[in-house]
């Protein structure tokens, strides 16, 4: 591993490069190389990344051997043959623990694979292991993990974003060609921006949630992190589709996302929301995103100002709905069926309380309390019902905006990645880091983050691209155009 005191200097690994390496050597050799890189991560000294929580070496090498056997026999290879991929530790994967970054699930071994995991393996992917994350996917910095924070490979004193910080960091460090993350209010897109990689939030229902440890069921989505936009299109094509095990998954036909990338962006209408360029936006991020918009105009796109007038209410709306759902979902963790069980007290309820007190971290407790309060009899109408009404208004904002544009482009984050420990004592400030991401989450539309430059201090900047429900193809086309701009700049 090439590293300095300030950053990890491994090269990003693309799917095409991984495939080429498999053909030149073997899938087994590629997997072993990745494990060697991961083993060199110097976590103990504080100079490492801490992206992986558990390695699935036996399963990965067995899959690699199957790919090598197909190669030796001259048989056709599946689309992700031998490609090394990591899995966020909120997704079930047999043979590996599923902790959700929490002590309360320490040692829990799921008896089945999440659908997204099964699809990747069926496509030939070699699954390296499970990735660190904020506890129960609650956080914007990956400092809430019970197993230690993840460091940003681009700046080791900075956060990688959250909650899928381990997933973003593993791609940025070259540990994996791609990873799976989850996004409830920005947990794929924000870490992608902070780590300088591509992250995709599919439309709600486009990718199965079966096997996902739930945070907020009406918001949670599974999506990929990759080194480039073409790889994101490839992964999404594998992951998307109806799943009989997930009633919320959609039966709409899956587009040819890779094929769509061949279409030029000329003629597309690009919406620019004025609400995303107000007070609090870092000047360097503003300038980078404005350069992207100018570049899209030069590429033949029409730039259209759009209004998303209820954006100011997105953060409080999200934190009422998401915490209310978390309060319900996390009630299943009681020390009886799986995970941690505190020494039994005199009563069953006493054991519940002690298990949850010892097993849940501070941020998870904070959100459970907030959600329980919002759902309580005296405040349900004042908070939860009103939040759902505002969610409808936010969705209508996007539907109205998309009447005059094909995609919406704006900043992904208000600031570059902040220093580890900088915001841990100020949860409201941490929540506000999601100001540009939670609206798309509430509306159920698709979105992605694509790298669009660096600050003067060499910190990554990401631009956000959003499109209509189930129009990931257009979103990815715009993303590729942005990527090409950066390559030519």
Protein backbone atom coordinates (compact mmCIF):
# COMPACT_ATOMS: atom_id res chain seq x y z
CA UNK A 1 0.00 0.00 0.00
CA UNK A 2 1.30 3.41 -0.93
CA UNK A 3 0.45 5.74 1.94
CA UNK A 4 1.55 8.91 3.62
CA UNK A 5 0.69 10.51 6.94
CA UNK A 6 -2.24 12.24 5.26
CA UNK A 7 -3.73 9.94 2.63
CA UNK A 8 -3.84 6.50 1.02
CA UNK A 9 -2.46 6.56 -2.50
CA UNK A 10 -3.78 3.31 -3.98
CA UNK A 11 -5.20 3.60 -7.49
CA UNK A 12 -8.94 3.17 -7.96
CA UNK A 13 -9.81 -0.23 -9.41
CA UNK A 14 -12.41 -0.32 -12.18
CA UNK A 15 -14.49 -3.30 -13.21
CA UNK A 16 -12.77 -3.44 -16.61
CA UNK A 17 -9.37 -3.45 -14.90
CA UNK A 18 -10.47 -6.22 -12.54
CA UNK A 19 -11.78 -8.29 -15.45
CA UNK A 20 -8.54 -7.78 -17.36
CA UNK A 21 -6.52 -8.87 -14.33
CA UNK A 22 -8.67 -11.99 -13.98
CA UNK A 23 -8.01 -12.85 -17.63
CA UNK A 24 -4.28 -12.11 -17.33
CA UNK A 25 -3.80 -14.05 -14.08
CA UNK A 26 -6.76 -15.62 -12.30
CA UNK A 27 -9.72 -14.66 -10.16
CA UNK A 28 -7.95 -16.26 -7.22
CA UNK A 29 -4.86 -14.11 -7.76
CA UNK A 30 -6.98 -10.95 -7.97
CA UNK A 31 -8.81 -11.81 -4.74
CA UNK A 32 -5.54 -12.55 -2.94
CA UNK A 33 -4.11 -9.24 -4.12
CA UNK A 34 -7.07 -7.37 -2.69
CA UNK A 35 -6.77 -9.20 0.62
CA UNK A 36 -3.09 -8.28 0.74
CA UNK A 37 -3.98 -4.59 0.32
CA UNK A 38 -6.65 -4.80 3.00
CA UNK A 39 -4.23 -6.54 5.39
CA UNK A 40 -1.81 -3.62 5.02
CA UNK A 41 -4.41 -1.17 6.34
CA UNK A 42 -2.67 0.15 9.47
CA UNK A 43 -5.71 0.67 11.68
CA UNK A 44 -3.91 0.27 15.00
CA UNK A 45 -1.74 3.38 14.55
CA UNK A 46 -4.62 5.60 13.45
CA UNK A 47 -3.13 5.85 9.95
CA UNK A 48 -5.43 3.21 8.50
CA UNK A 49 -8.94 3.41 7.11
CA UNK A 50 -10.82 0.75 9.12
CA UNK A 51 -13.22 0.08 6.26
CA UNK A 52 -13.61 -3.70 6.66
CA UNK A 53 -15.18 -5.22 9.77
CA UNK A 54 -14.99 -8.86 8.64
CA UNK A 55 -13.41 -10.71 5.71
CA UNK A 56 -15.19 -13.56 3.93
CA UNK A 57 -12.00 -15.15 2.60
CA UNK A 58 -13.30 -18.73 2.39
CA UNK A 59 -16.42 -17.75 0.47
CA UNK A 60 -14.53 -15.34 -1.78
CA UNK A 61 -11.82 -17.81 -2.72
CA UNK A 62 -14.39 -20.54 -3.39
CA UNK A 63 -16.16 -18.18 -5.79
CA UNK A 64 -12.84 -17.23 -7.39
CA UNK A 65 -12.05 -20.90 -7.91
CA UNK A 66 -15.41 -21.37 -9.68
CA UNK A 67 -14.58 -18.48 -12.01
CA UNK A 68 -11.13 -19.90 -12.70
CA UNK A 69 -12.68 -23.29 -13.52
CA UNK A 70 -15.08 -21.65 -16.01
CA UNK A 71 -12.13 -19.86 -17.59
CA UNK A 72 -10.11 -23.07 -17.85
CA UNK A 73 -13.04 -24.82 -19.51
CA UNK A 74 -13.50 -21.98 -22.00
CA UNK A 75 -17.06 -21.38 -20.88
CA UNK A 76 -18.79 -17.97 -21.03
CA UNK A 77 -18.13 -15.83 -17.97
CA UNK A 78 -20.81 -13.91 -16.06
CA UNK A 79 -20.67 -10.09 -16.22
CA UNK A 80 -18.86 -9.57 -12.90
CA UNK A 81 -16.61 -12.64 -13.12
CA UNK A 82 -13.88 -12.29 -10.51
CA UNK A 83 -14.67 -8.65 -9.69
CA UNK A 84 -13.85 -7.99 -5.99
CA UNK A 85 -16.77 -6.34 -4.18
CA UNK A 86 -17.42 -5.42 -0.53
CA UNK A 87 -20.77 -5.41 1.29
CA UNK A 88 -21.99 -2.86 3.83
CA UNK A 89 -22.54 -4.54 7.18
CA UNK A 90 -26.29 -3.93 7.20
CA UNK A 91 -26.90 -6.59 4.54
CA UNK A 92 -27.27 -10.28 5.32
CA UNK A 93 -24.54 -12.53 3.95
CA UNK A 94 -24.18 -16.13 5.07
CA UNK A 95 -20.86 -17.01 6.64
CA UNK A 96 -20.21 -13.44 7.77
CA UNK A 97 -21.51 -11.49 10.77
CA UNK A 98 -24.13 -8.79 10.26
CA UNK A 99 -23.65 -6.27 13.05
CA UNK A 100 -25.04 -3.07 11.50
CA UNK A 101 -22.10 -1.40 13.26
CA UNK A 102 -23.74 -2.08 16.61
CA UNK A 103 -22.81 -3.97 19.78
CA UNK A 104 -26.34 -5.23 20.08
CA UNK A 105 -25.78 -7.45 17.00
CA UNK A 106 -22.20 -8.42 17.76
CA UNK A 107 -21.64 -12.00 16.62
CA UNK A 108 -24.97 -12.35 14.82
CA UNK A 109 -24.63 -14.65 11.77
CA UNK A 110 -27.54 -14.33 9.32
CA UNK A 111 -28.91 -17.62 7.94
CA UNK A 112 -29.53 -16.28 4.40
CA UNK A 113 -28.20 -13.84 1.80
CA UNK A 114 -29.77 -10.49 1.02
CA UNK A 115 -31.15 -10.44 -2.53
CA UNK A 116 -28.60 -7.81 -3.60
CA UNK A 117 -25.78 -9.99 -2.27
CA UNK A 118 -27.13 -13.08 -4.04
CA UNK A 119 -27.47 -11.20 -7.33
CA UNK A 120 -23.87 -9.99 -7.21
CA UNK A 121 -22.54 -13.47 -6.53
CA UNK A 122 -24.74 -14.97 -9.25
CA UNK A 123 -23.16 -12.43 -11.63
CA UNK A 124 -19.70 -13.74 -10.73
CA UNK A 125 -18.59 -11.19 -8.13
CA UNK A 126 -16.08 -12.20 -5.49
CA UNK A 127 -17.43 -10.93 -2.16
CA UNK A 128 -14.49 -9.81 -0.03
CA UNK A 129 -16.27 -9.13 3.26
CA UNK A 130 -18.39 -6.77 5.33
CA UNK A 131 -17.81 -3.02 5.57
CA UNK A 132 -17.91 -0.62 8.50
CA UNK A 133 -20.81 1.81 8.83
CA UNK A 134 -22.55 4.11 11.28
CA UNK A 135 -24.60 2.11 13.75
CA UNK A 136 -27.85 0.98 12.11
CA UNK A 137 -26.96 3.37 9.26
CA UNK A 138 -27.60 6.38 11.50
CA UNK A 139 -25.00 9.05 10.87
CA UNK A 140 -23.24 11.26 8.36
CA UNK A 141 -19.61 10.66 9.31
CA UNK A 142 -19.08 6.96 10.16
CA UNK A 143 -18.06 8.03 13.66
CA UNK A 144 -21.08 6.26 15.18
CA UNK A 145 -19.84 2.73 14.55
CA UNK A 146 -19.32 0.61 17.66
CA UNK A 147 -16.20 -0.74 15.93
CA UNK A 148 -14.37 2.53 15.48
CA UNK A 149 -14.55 5.35 12.95
CA UNK A 150 -13.62 5.01 9.29
CA UNK A 151 -11.01 7.43 7.93
CA UNK A 152 -11.20 9.10 4.54
CA UNK A 153 -8.51 7.67 2.22
CA UNK A 154 -8.16 11.08 0.57
CA UNK A 155 -7.44 12.79 3.91
CA UNK A 156 -6.93 10.52 6.91
CA UNK A 157 -7.83 13.21 9.43
CA UNK A 158 -11.24 13.64 7.73
CA UNK A 159 -14.47 11.66 7.86
CA UNK A 160 -15.45 9.56 4.83
CA UNK A 161 -19.10 10.53 5.23
CA UNK A 162 -21.83 8.25 6.43
CA UNK A 163 -23.49 6.09 7.04
CA UNK A 164 -21.85 4.03 4.26
CA UNK A 165 -18.40 5.42 5.01
CA UNK A 166 -16.69 2.03 4.93
CA UNK A 167 -18.17 1.28 1.51
CA UNK A 168 -17.03 4.58 0.00
CA UNK A 169 -13.60 4.37 1.60
CA UNK A 170 -12.98 0.81 0.36
CA UNK A 171 -13.50 1.91 -3.25
CA UNK A 172 -11.48 5.10 -2.79
CA UNK A 173 -8.59 3.10 -1.30
CA UNK A 174 -8.61 0.54 -4.10
CA UNK A 175 -9.54 -2.28 -1.72
CA UNK A 176 -12.53 -3.22 -3.89
CA UNK A 177 -13.66 -2.45 -7.43
CA UNK A 178 -17.14 -1.74 -6.10
CA UNK A 179 -19.14 -1.96 -2.90
CA UNK A 180 -22.74 -2.04 -1.78
CA UNK A 181 -24.05 0.70 0.49
CA UNK A 182 -27.44 1.85 1.66
CA UNK A 183 -28.97 5.30 1.50
CA UNK A 184 -31.78 6.48 3.79
CA UNK A 185 -31.14 10.23 3.74
CA UNK A 186 -27.89 10.54 1.79
CA UNK A 187 -25.79 7.64 3.04
CA UNK A 188 -24.51 6.61 -0.39
CA UNK A 189 -24.31 9.97 -2.13
CA UNK A 190 -22.65 12.01 0.65
CA UNK A 191 -19.83 9.50 1.34
CA UNK A 192 -19.26 9.18 -2.41
CA UNK A 193 -18.79 12.95 -2.60
CA UNK A 194 -16.50 13.01 0.44
CA UNK A 195 -14.30 10.17 -0.87
CA UNK A 196 -14.21 11.16 -4.54
CA UNK A 197 -16.03 8.12 -5.98
CA UNK A 198 -19.35 7.50 -7.71
CA UNK A 199 -22.39 6.60 -5.60
CA UNK A 200 -25.91 5.79 -6.85
CA UNK A 201 -29.25 6.07 -5.05
CA UNK A 202 -31.72 4.03 -7.14
CA UNK A 203 -35.40 4.89 -7.24
CA UNK A 204 -37.27 3.46 -4.25
CA UNK A 205 -38.34 -0.04 -5.30
CA UNK A 206 -35.76 -0.42 -8.08
CA UNK A 207 -33.42 -2.62 -5.98
CA UNK A 208 -34.66 -5.21 -3.47
CA UNK A 209 -34.33 -4.46 0.24
CA UNK A 210 -34.73 -8.11 1.23
CA UNK A 211 -32.02 -8.99 3.73
CA UNK A 212 -31.38 -5.38 4.73
CA UNK A 213 -31.34 -4.58 8.44
CA UNK A 214 -33.95 -1.82 8.46
CA UNK A 215 -33.46 1.75 9.67
CA UNK A 216 -36.46 3.48 8.05
CA UNK A 217 -38.35 1.16 5.75
CA UNK A 218 -40.01 3.78 3.55
CA UNK A 219 -36.64 5.46 2.92
CA UNK A 220 -33.95 2.74 2.93
CA UNK A 221 -32.41 1.86 -0.43
CA UNK A 222 -29.52 -0.33 -1.57
CA UNK A 223 -27.07 0.98 -4.16
CA UNK A 224 -23.50 0.76 -5.48
CA UNK A 225 -20.25 2.66 -5.02
CA UNK A 226 -17.86 2.45 -7.96
CA UNK A 227 -14.76 4.04 -9.44
CA UNK A 228 -16.61 5.44 -12.46
CA UNK A 229 -20.07 5.94 -13.96
CA UNK A 230 -19.91 3.02 -16.40
CA UNK A 231 -19.24 0.67 -13.47
CA UNK A 232 -22.19 2.15 -11.60
CA UNK A 233 -24.41 1.45 -14.61
CA UNK A 234 -23.09 -2.12 -14.76
CA UNK A 235 -23.75 -2.77 -11.07
CA UNK A 236 -27.20 -1.20 -11.19
CA UNK A 237 -28.12 -3.43 -14.12
CA UNK A 238 -27.24 -6.48 -12.02
CA UNK A 239 -29.00 -5.28 -8.87
CA UNK A 240 -32.24 -3.88 -10.31
CA UNK A 241 -35.46 -5.78 -10.75
CA UNK A 242 -38.54 -7.20 -9.10
CA UNK A 243 -37.98 -9.46 -6.10
CA UNK A 244 -40.85 -11.66 -4.84
CA UNK A 245 -39.23 -11.49 -1.39
CA UNK A 246 -39.67 -7.69 -1.23
CA UNK A 247 -43.22 -6.43 -1.69
CA UNK A 248 -41.95 -2.87 -2.19
CA UNK A 249 -39.77 -3.79 -5.18
CA UNK A 250 -41.06 -2.66 -8.56
CA UNK A 251 -41.91 -4.87 -11.54
CA UNK A 252 -41.12 -2.10 -14.02
CA UNK A 253 -38.74 -3.29 -16.76
CA UNK A 254 -35.06 -2.64 -16.10
CA UNK A 255 -33.41 -0.34 -18.63
CA UNK A 256 -30.13 -1.09 -20.37
CA UNK A 257 -28.13 1.34 -18.25
CA UNK A 258 -24.77 0.67 -19.90
CA UNK A 259 -26.30 0.95 -23.36
CA UNK A 260 -27.92 4.28 -22.43
CA UNK A 261 -24.47 5.77 -21.80
CA UNK A 262 -23.86 5.79 -25.55
CA UNK A 263 -26.55 8.44 -26.00
CA UNK A 264 -25.27 12.04 -25.97
CA UNK A 265 -26.62 14.53 -23.46
CA UNK A 266 -27.18 17.12 -26.17
CA UNK A 267 -30.77 18.33 -26.00
CA UNK A 268 -31.37 17.37 -22.39
CA UNK A 269 -32.87 19.99 -20.11
CA UNK A 270 -30.89 20.42 -16.90
CA UNK A 271 -32.72 21.94 -13.95
CA UNK A 272 -30.79 24.09 -11.48
CA UNK A 273 -32.60 24.57 -8.13
CA UNK A 274 -31.99 28.01 -6.67
CA UNK A 275 -32.67 26.68 -3.16
CA UNK A 276 -29.49 24.59 -3.35
CA UNK A 277 -27.21 27.58 -3.89
CA UNK A 278 -28.06 29.69 -0.86
CA UNK A 279 -26.37 30.58 2.38
CA UNK A 280 -24.09 27.95 3.89
CA UNK A 281 -22.77 26.52 0.63
CA UNK A 282 -18.96 26.41 0.56
CA UNK A 283 -17.64 28.81 -2.15
CA UNK A 284 -15.32 26.21 -3.66
CA UNK A 285 -18.16 23.69 -3.96
CA UNK A 286 -20.40 26.33 -5.52
CA UNK A 287 -17.72 27.17 -8.08
CA UNK A 288 -17.13 23.50 -8.93
CA UNK A 289 -20.84 22.79 -9.44
CA UNK A 290 -21.27 25.96 -11.51
CA UNK A 291 -18.41 24.76 -13.75
CA UNK A 292 -20.30 21.48 -14.22
CA UNK A 293 -23.46 23.35 -15.19
CA UNK A 294 -21.51 25.50 -17.66
CA UNK A 295 -19.91 22.36 -19.10
CA UNK A 296 -23.30 20.73 -19.60
CA UNK A 297 -24.47 23.84 -21.41
CA UNK A 298 -21.41 23.64 -23.66
CA UNK A 299 -22.30 19.98 -24.33
CA UNK A 300 -25.65 21.07 -25.77
CA UNK A 301 -27.90 20.88 -22.72
CA UNK A 302 -30.46 23.54 -21.98
CA UNK A 303 -30.10 25.00 -18.49
CA UNK A 304 -33.45 25.61 -16.79
CA UNK A 305 -33.92 27.33 -13.41
CA UNK A 306 -36.30 25.29 -11.23
CA UNK A 307 -37.90 25.81 -7.85
CA UNK A 308 -38.03 23.31 -5.00
CA UNK A 309 -39.77 25.61 -2.53
CA UNK A 310 -40.18 23.16 0.34
CA UNK A 311 -36.48 22.30 0.56
CA UNK A 312 -36.18 24.31 3.77
CA UNK A 313 -38.47 21.80 5.49
CA UNK A 314 -36.70 18.67 4.23
CA UNK A 315 -34.36 18.17 7.21
CA UNK A 316 -37.01 18.38 9.98
CA UNK A 317 -39.41 16.31 7.88
CA UNK A 318 -36.81 13.62 7.34
CA UNK A 319 -35.78 13.44 10.98
CA UNK A 320 -39.36 13.03 12.15
CA UNK A 321 -40.26 10.29 9.64
CA UNK A 322 -36.95 8.42 9.73
CA UNK A 323 -36.72 8.36 13.52
CA UNK A 324 -40.36 7.34 13.88
CA UNK A 325 -39.76 4.35 11.61
CA UNK A 326 -36.50 3.55 13.43
CA UNK A 327 -38.32 3.58 16.76
CA UNK A 328 -40.59 0.85 15.44
CA UNK A 329 -37.97 -1.17 13.53
CA UNK A 330 -35.40 -1.27 16.31
CA UNK A 331 -37.90 -2.51 18.90
CA UNK A 332 -37.14 -6.04 17.65
CA UNK A 333 -33.67 -5.90 19.21
CA UNK A 334 -34.40 -6.97 22.76
CA UNK A 335 -31.79 -9.61 23.60
CA UNK A 336 -34.19 -12.51 23.13
CA UNK A 337 -33.87 -13.65 19.53
CA UNK A 338 -30.39 -12.63 18.35
CA UNK A 339 -27.33 -10.61 19.22
CA UNK A 340 -26.34 -9.26 22.60
CA UNK A 341 -28.19 -10.29 25.75
CA UNK A 342 -27.30 -8.46 28.95
CA UNK A 343 -27.15 -10.55 32.14
CA UNK A 344 -30.73 -11.16 33.11
CA UNK A 345 -32.15 -8.97 35.79
CA UNK A 346 -35.02 -9.73 38.10
CA UNK A 347 -37.62 -9.19 35.37
CA UNK A 348 -37.94 -9.68 31.61
CA UNK A 349 -38.48 -5.96 31.10
CA UNK A 350 -35.35 -5.31 33.13
CA UNK A 351 -33.35 -7.54 30.77
CA UNK A 352 -34.79 -5.64 27.77
CA UNK A 353 -33.78 -2.30 29.23
CA UNK A 354 -30.27 -3.41 30.16
CA UNK A 355 -29.66 -5.06 26.78
CA UNK A 356 -30.72 -1.97 24.89
CA UNK A 357 -28.80 0.33 27.20
CA UNK A 358 -25.60 -1.64 26.69
CA UNK A 359 -26.17 -2.54 23.04
CA UNK A 360 -27.28 0.73 21.44
CA UNK A 361 -24.94 3.69 21.00
CA UNK A 362 -25.73 7.30 21.86
CA UNK A 363 -26.91 8.36 18.39
CA UNK A 364 -29.22 5.37 18.00
CA UNK A 365 -30.73 6.04 21.43
CA UNK A 366 -31.21 9.70 20.50
CA UNK A 367 -33.12 8.78 17.35
CA UNK A 368 -35.24 6.12 19.05
CA UNK A 369 -36.30 8.65 21.66
CA UNK A 370 -37.05 11.28 19.04
CA UNK A 371 -39.09 8.83 16.97
CA UNK A 372 -41.01 7.50 19.96
CA UNK A 373 -41.87 11.05 20.97
CA UNK A 374 -43.10 11.89 17.45
CA UNK A 375 -45.36 8.82 17.47
CA UNK A 376 -46.76 9.36 20.96
CA UNK A 377 -50.48 9.97 21.33
CA UNK A 378 -50.19 13.64 22.19
CA UNK A 379 -47.81 14.54 19.35
CA UNK A 380 -48.61 12.18 16.45
CA UNK A 381 -50.71 14.75 14.58
CA UNK A 382 -48.44 17.67 15.38
CA UNK A 383 -45.26 15.95 14.19
CA UNK A 384 -45.57 12.65 12.34
CA UNK A 385 -48.76 13.32 10.38
CA UNK A 386 -47.58 16.83 9.50
CA UNK A 387 -44.20 15.47 8.37
CA UNK A 388 -45.94 13.05 6.02
CA UNK A 389 -47.93 15.94 4.58
CA UNK A 390 -44.73 17.90 3.95
CA UNK A 391 -43.20 14.81 2.37
CA UNK A 392 -46.03 14.90 -0.16
CA UNK A 393 -45.31 18.56 -0.87
CA UNK A 394 -41.62 17.83 -1.40
CA UNK A 395 -42.51 15.06 -3.85
CA UNK A 396 -44.82 17.43 -5.73
CA UNK A 397 -41.98 19.96 -5.92
CA UNK A 398 -39.88 17.43 -7.83
CA UNK A 399 -42.75 16.30 -10.05
CA UNK A 400 -43.42 19.92 -11.00
CA UNK A 401 -39.73 20.61 -11.61
CA UNK A 402 -39.40 17.57 -13.88
CA UNK A 403 -42.17 18.95 -16.11
CA UNK A 404 -39.61 21.48 -17.34
CA UNK A 405 -36.36 19.47 -17.10
CA UNK A 406 -34.95 15.97 -17.55
CA UNK A 407 -32.46 16.01 -14.69
CA UNK A 408 -31.62 18.29 -11.77
CA UNK A 409 -28.01 19.20 -10.96
CA UNK A 410 -26.74 20.81 -7.77
CA UNK A 411 -24.25 20.46 -4.93
CA UNK A 412 -24.10 17.15 -3.08
CA UNK A 413 -22.82 18.52 0.22
CA UNK A 414 -22.64 22.04 1.69
CA UNK A 415 -19.01 21.58 2.79
CA UNK A 416 -16.01 19.40 1.96
CA UNK A 417 -15.32 16.44 4.29
CA UNK A 418 -14.89 17.73 7.84
CA UNK A 419 -12.34 16.61 10.41
CA UNK A 420 -12.93 13.55 12.56
CA UNK A 421 -14.40 14.71 15.87
CA UNK A 422 -15.31 18.16 14.55
CA UNK A 423 -19.09 17.73 14.80
CA UNK A 424 -19.58 14.87 17.25
CA UNK A 425 -20.73 17.19 20.03
CA UNK A 426 -23.20 19.02 17.78
CA UNK A 427 -25.74 16.56 16.34
CA UNK A 428 -27.84 19.32 14.75
CA UNK A 429 -24.83 20.54 12.77
CA UNK A 430 -24.24 16.94 11.69
CA UNK A 431 -27.86 16.58 10.58
CA UNK A 432 -27.61 19.75 8.49
CA UNK A 433 -24.83 18.14 6.45
CA UNK A 434 -27.67 16.22 4.72
CA UNK A 435 -29.47 19.38 3.58
CA UNK A 436 -29.07 18.59 -0.15
CA UNK A 437 -29.65 14.84 0.04
CA UNK A 438 -32.75 14.19 2.14
CA UNK A 439 -35.29 15.74 -0.26
CA UNK A 440 -34.59 13.14 -2.97
CA UNK A 441 -34.82 10.44 -0.30
CA UNK A 442 -38.23 11.63 0.85
CA UNK A 443 -39.49 11.92 -2.74
CA UNK A 444 -38.30 8.43 -3.72
CA UNK A 445 -36.53 9.65 -6.88
CA UNK A 446 -33.13 8.47 -8.07
CA UNK A 447 -29.92 10.43 -7.49
CA UNK A 448 -26.18 10.06 -7.69
CA UNK A 449 -22.95 11.77 -6.74
CA UNK A 450 -20.15 12.15 -9.28
CA UNK A 451 -16.71 13.63 -8.53
CA UNK A 452 -16.37 17.12 -10.00
CA UNK A 453 -13.08 18.46 -8.71
CA UNK A 454 -11.17 19.28 -5.55
CA UNK A 455 -10.82 22.12 -3.12
CA UNK A 456 -7.56 24.05 -2.88
CA UNK A 457 -6.71 21.66 -0.04
CA UNK A 458 -7.17 18.61 -2.34
CA UNK A 459 -10.43 17.52 -0.71
CA UNK A 460 -12.95 15.85 -3.07
CA UNK A 461 -16.07 17.63 -4.32
CA UNK A 462 -19.13 15.80 -5.63
CA UNK A 463 -21.98 17.04 -7.78
CA UNK A 464 -25.49 15.67 -7.29
CA UNK A 465 -27.62 14.55 -10.25
CA UNK A 466 -31.29 13.67 -9.74
CA UNK A 467 -33.85 12.35 -12.21
CA UNK A 468 -37.47 11.21 -12.34
CA UNK A 469 -38.64 8.02 -10.71
CA UNK A 470 -37.13 5.05 -12.58
CA UNK A 471 -35.18 7.27 -14.99
CA UNK A 472 -31.74 6.14 -13.83
CA UNK A 473 -30.69 5.92 -17.49
CA UNK A 474 -30.91 9.70 -17.99
CA UNK A 475 -29.24 10.33 -14.63
CA UNK A 476 -26.31 8.08 -15.58
CA UNK A 477 -25.96 9.77 -18.99
CA UNK A 478 -25.58 13.13 -17.29
CA UNK A 479 -23.17 11.57 -14.79
CA UNK A 480 -20.97 10.26 -17.60
CA UNK A 481 -20.92 13.70 -19.23
CA UNK A 482 -19.73 15.19 -15.93
CA UNK A 483 -17.07 12.49 -15.61
CA UNK A 484 -15.77 13.21 -19.10
CA UNK A 485 -15.53 16.91 -18.27
CA UNK A 486 -13.24 16.11 -15.36
CA UNK A 487 -11.07 13.84 -17.50
CA UNK A 488 -10.67 16.61 -20.07
CA UNK A 489 -10.08 19.45 -17.61
